[in-house]
Amino acid sequence: MKRTLQCAFATSALLVSSSAFAQTFGEKGQVAISAERLFGFTYDSATVTQNGQDNTNKVTHFSLLSSPVTINAGPGVWAGYGSPRVAGDYFVIDRLSVGAALGYAHWSLSTQAALGNTETTTSGDSFTFAPRVGYFLTFTDKIGFWPRGGFTYRTFSAADASGHDLAFTLEAPFAFTLIPNVVFWGGPALDLGLTGSQSIQQANGTKTSVDFNATEIGIQTGLVVYFGT
């Protein structure tokens, strides 16, 4: 009798323990809160079109909890898409998620004059809103694939320039379950510039508006905490 009770207790404990961690990432009703683009490697390209002429600047950058280096694209300024941000996603059915990311970055750029020791520092701010849809694929109980697509809208400003742009965003990260309810992901990300504009303050006080387009491609990472109903 005693052994029977011990076996029953052990079985019950195992079932309770298993059910507590049985919920895998991507199930219907789950909410996933993410810290995204924590570190990565990116290639940025920004083009300003003025009077029918394009001025393009390109840069590669490795970031760790920071925004990609600012690009001085012709007469304007811009900070890359790869700034750290927070996001929330909800699984409306098994595997299918809808959500959005929000980001803010403050950046500065110092330039040295060709002649003399004069240094000029330009600083600015950018805000990001990125709605998206994703679909989670499970390879094993620890490894999955979470492709997501959507749009990224951002505004940015500096001492003498301000603007906005819109990009099509595609992310294809692999997800790795570290501990129950915590997922680390990493993979390629593309922000393909669709449209944008800048307003630039000239030295004489007048403002000039120019077309602006920026694209970023690279490897990004994130950390997800999820819970369900």
Protein backbone atom coordinates (compact mmCIF):
# COMPACT_ATOMS: atom_id res chain seq x y z
CA MET A 1 0.00 0.00 0.00
CA LYS A 2 2.78 2.38 0.96
CA ARG A 3 4.63 1.65 -2.27
CA THR A 4 1.44 2.17 -4.27
CA LEU A 5 0.91 5.58 -2.67
CA GLN A 6 4.52 6.52 -3.38
CA CYS A 7 4.14 5.54 -7.03
CA ALA A 8 0.87 7.45 -7.31
CA PHE A 9 2.44 10.54 -5.73
CA ALA A 10 5.48 10.34 -8.03
CA THR A 11 3.26 9.95 -11.09
CA SER A 12 1.10 12.91 -10.07
CA ALA A 13 4.16 15.08 -9.44
CA LEU A 14 5.54 14.17 -12.86
CA LEU A 15 2.28 15.01 -14.59
CA VAL A 16 2.00 18.36 -12.80
CA SER A 17 5.62 19.17 -13.62
CA SER A 18 5.16 18.20 -17.26
CA SER A 19 1.96 20.22 -17.65
CA ALA A 20 3.60 23.28 -16.12
CA PHE A 21 6.21 23.33 -18.92
CA ALA A 22 4.17 21.64 -21.64
CA GLN A 23 3.27 24.95 -23.24
CA THR A 24 5.60 25.47 -26.18
CA PHE A 25 6.25 28.72 -27.97
CA GLY A 26 3.75 29.60 -30.68
CA GLU A 27 0.54 28.26 -29.19
CA LYS A 28 -2.78 30.07 -29.55
CA GLY A 29 -3.37 32.78 -26.95
CA GLN A 30 0.28 33.38 -26.11
CA VAL A 31 1.71 36.87 -25.71
CA ALA A 32 5.37 37.36 -26.57
CA ILE A 33 7.28 40.40 -25.28
CA SER A 34 10.60 40.96 -27.01
CA ALA A 35 13.76 43.01 -26.75
CA GLU A 36 14.97 43.16 -30.35
CA ARG A 37 18.00 44.09 -32.42
CA LEU A 38 20.19 43.91 -29.34
CA PHE A 39 23.30 43.30 -31.38
CA GLY A 40 24.05 42.54 -34.99
CA PHE A 41 25.94 43.30 -38.17
CA THR A 42 24.33 45.54 -40.80
CA TYR A 43 24.93 47.09 -44.19
CA ASP A 44 23.19 50.44 -44.70
CA SER A 45 22.58 52.45 -47.85
CA ALA A 46 20.91 55.88 -47.91
CA THR A 47 20.16 57.99 -50.99
CA VAL A 48 19.15 61.65 -51.19
CA THR A 49 17.68 62.84 -54.51
CA GLN A 50 17.97 66.58 -55.15
CA ASN A 51 17.54 68.39 -58.46
CA GLY A 52 17.40 65.06 -60.25
CA GLN A 53 20.74 63.89 -58.87
CA ASP A 54 21.28 61.01 -56.43
CA ASN A 55 23.79 61.15 -53.60
CA THR A 56 24.27 57.76 -51.96
CA ASN A 57 26.24 56.83 -48.87
CA LYS A 58 26.91 53.26 -47.67
CA VAL A 59 28.32 51.87 -44.45
CA THR A 60 28.70 48.55 -42.62
CA HIS A 61 28.33 48.46 -38.87
CA PHE A 62 28.50 46.11 -35.90
CA SER A 63 26.23 47.22 -33.05
CA LEU A 64 25.93 46.09 -29.44
CA LEU A 65 22.98 47.65 -27.60
CA SER A 66 23.39 50.74 -29.78
CA SER A 67 22.11 52.36 -32.95
CA PRO A 68 23.95 51.92 -36.25
CA VAL A 69 26.30 54.75 -37.10
CA THR A 70 24.64 57.80 -38.61
CA ILE A 71 24.88 58.21 -42.36
CA ASN A 72 25.50 61.67 -43.78
CA ALA A 73 23.59 61.17 -47.01
CA GLY A 74 24.37 64.21 -49.13
CA PRO A 75 23.02 67.30 -47.42
CA GLY A 76 20.90 65.29 -44.97
CA VAL A 77 21.34 62.94 -42.02
CA TRP A 78 19.88 59.57 -41.07
CA ALA A 79 20.30 56.82 -38.47
CA GLY A 80 19.97 53.15 -39.42
CA TYR A 81 16.97 50.90 -38.81
CA GLY A 82 18.86 48.57 -36.47
CA SER A 83 18.28 50.41 -33.20
CA PRO A 84 17.28 48.33 -30.14
CA ARG A 85 13.52 48.24 -29.67
CA VAL A 86 10.73 46.50 -27.80
CA ALA A 87 7.94 44.49 -29.38
CA GLY A 88 4.77 42.61 -28.56
CA ASP A 89 3.26 39.73 -30.53
CA TYR A 90 0.04 37.78 -29.99
CA PHE A 91 -0.64 34.32 -31.41
CA VAL A 92 -4.19 34.52 -32.73
CA ILE A 93 -4.09 30.82 -33.62
CA ASP A 94 -1.37 28.21 -33.25
CA ARG A 95 1.80 29.48 -34.97
CA LEU A 96 0.27 32.67 -36.47
CA SER A 97 1.29 35.90 -34.72
CA VAL A 98 0.44 39.58 -35.15
CA GLY A 99 2.31 42.35 -33.40
CA ALA A 100 4.38 45.50 -33.62
CA ALA A 101 7.71 46.93 -32.49
CA LEU A 102 8.42 50.37 -31.04
CA GLY A 103 11.83 52.00 -30.91
CA TYR A 104 13.60 55.20 -29.95
CA ALA A 105 17.20 56.18 -30.54
CA HIS A 106 19.36 59.20 -29.81
CA TRP A 107 22.53 59.50 -31.85
CA SER A 108 25.36 61.92 -32.59
CA LEU A 109 27.98 62.37 -35.29
CA SER A 110 31.22 64.31 -34.93
CA THR A 111 33.12 65.51 -37.99
CA GLN A 112 36.57 67.07 -38.17
CA ALA A 113 37.18 69.99 -40.53
CA ALA A 114 39.67 69.33 -43.32
CA LEU A 115 41.67 72.36 -42.26
CA GLY A 116 42.15 73.37 -38.64
CA ASN A 117 41.02 71.67 -35.49
CA THR A 118 37.35 72.57 -35.69
CA GLU A 119 35.01 69.71 -34.78
CA THR A 120 31.30 69.78 -35.49
CA THR A 121 28.86 67.53 -33.65
CA THR A 122 25.38 66.80 -35.01
CA SER A 123 22.90 64.95 -32.81
CA GLY A 124 19.35 63.78 -33.37
CA ASP A 125 16.51 61.45 -32.44
CA SER A 126 14.53 58.80 -34.27
CA PHE A 127 11.27 57.00 -33.53
CA THR A 128 10.18 53.67 -35.02
CA PHE A 129 6.83 51.91 -35.43
CA ALA A 130 6.84 48.50 -37.13
CA PRO A 131 3.62 46.41 -37.39
CA ARG A 132 4.09 42.82 -38.59
CA VAL A 133 2.68 39.33 -39.09
CA GLY A 134 4.63 36.14 -38.37
CA TYR A 135 4.38 32.37 -38.56
CA PHE A 136 6.29 30.07 -36.21
CA LEU A 137 7.61 26.72 -37.43
CA THR A 138 8.83 24.08 -34.97
CA PHE A 139 11.81 21.88 -35.81
CA THR A 140 12.30 20.36 -32.34
CA ASP A 141 11.02 21.19 -28.86
CA LYS A 142 14.00 23.58 -28.53
CA ILE A 143 14.52 24.98 -32.03
CA GLY A 144 12.13 26.80 -34.37
CA PHE A 145 11.89 29.31 -37.21
CA TRP A 146 9.84 32.53 -36.94
CA PRO A 147 9.67 34.45 -40.24
CA ARG A 148 7.89 37.81 -40.01
CA GLY A 149 6.92 40.47 -42.50
CA GLY A 150 5.52 43.98 -42.23
CA PHE A 151 6.36 47.64 -42.56
CA THR A 152 8.62 50.02 -40.65
CA TYR A 153 7.79 53.71 -40.37
CA ARG A 154 10.29 56.06 -38.78
CA THR A 155 10.75 59.72 -38.17
CA PHE A 156 14.12 61.32 -37.48
CA SER A 157 15.43 64.78 -36.75
CA ALA A 158 18.71 66.59 -36.21
CA ALA A 159 19.85 70.15 -35.69
CA ASP A 160 19.28 71.16 -39.31
CA ALA A 161 17.28 68.30 -40.84
CA SER A 162 14.19 66.23 -40.23
CA GLY A 163 12.34 63.61 -42.18
CA HIS A 164 10.55 60.30 -42.34
CA ASP A 165 10.73 57.07 -44.31
CA LEU A 166 8.83 53.86 -44.90
CA ALA A 167 10.35 50.43 -45.48
CA PHE A 168 9.15 46.90 -46.12
CA THR A 169 10.59 44.74 -43.33
CA LEU A 170 11.30 41.02 -43.56
CA GLU A 171 12.90 39.04 -40.72
CA ALA A 172 13.78 35.33 -40.77
CA PRO A 173 15.15 34.44 -37.33
CA PHE A 174 15.81 31.00 -35.89
CA ALA A 175 14.44 30.65 -32.34
CA PHE A 176 16.11 28.72 -29.55
CA THR A 177 14.36 27.90 -26.25
CA LEU A 178 16.84 28.60 -23.44
CA ILE A 179 14.65 27.94 -20.41
CA PRO A 180 10.87 27.59 -20.07
CA ASN A 181 9.12 30.71 -21.44
CA VAL A 182 12.35 32.33 -22.70
CA VAL A 183 13.44 32.26 -26.35
CA PHE A 184 16.57 33.65 -28.00
CA TRP A 185 16.40 34.36 -31.71
CA GLY A 186 18.87 35.38 -34.39
CA GLY A 187 18.83 35.61 -38.16
CA PRO A 188 18.78 37.82 -41.26
CA ALA A 189 16.72 41.00 -41.42
CA LEU A 190 15.90 43.27 -44.35
CA ASP A 191 14.47 46.80 -44.25
CA LEU A 192 13.84 47.69 -47.88
CA GLY A 193 13.26 51.41 -48.34
CA LEU A 194 10.04 52.31 -50.18
CA THR A 195 9.72 56.06 -49.83
CA GLY A 196 10.77 58.98 -47.68
CA SER A 197 11.64 62.66 -47.57
CA GLN A 198 13.80 65.15 -45.70
CA SER A 199 13.45 68.81 -44.91
CA ILE A 200 16.84 70.53 -44.60
CA GLN A 201 17.55 73.92 -43.07
CA GLN A 202 19.99 75.88 -45.22
CA ALA A 203 22.58 78.34 -43.89
CA ASN A 204 20.49 81.28 -45.17
CA GLY A 205 17.46 80.11 -43.17
CA THR A 206 15.46 78.62 -46.03
CA LYS A 207 14.26 75.02 -46.04
CA THR A 208 14.81 72.55 -48.84
CA SER A 209 12.81 69.34 -49.23
CA VAL A 210 14.44 66.33 -50.88
CA ASP A 211 13.44 62.76 -51.63
CA PHE A 212 15.04 60.18 -49.39
CA ASN A 213 15.34 56.39 -49.49
CA ALA A 214 17.23 54.04 -47.17
CA THR A 215 17.77 50.27 -47.03
CA GLU A 216 19.39 48.06 -44.42
CA ILE A 217 20.29 44.37 -44.49
CA GLY A 218 22.07 42.36 -41.84
CA ILE A 219 22.01 39.82 -39.02
CA GLN A 220 19.98 40.73 -35.92
CA THR A 221 19.20 39.12 -32.57
CA GLY A 222 16.49 39.31 -29.90
CA LEU A 223 15.24 37.86 -26.63
CA VAL A 224 11.60 36.85 -26.05
CA VAL A 225 9.63 36.18 -22.86
CA TYR A 226 6.23 34.58 -23.52
CA PHE A 227 3.23 33.56 -21.49
CA GLY A 228 -0.17 32.15 -22.31
CA THR A 229 -3.75 32.13 -21.11
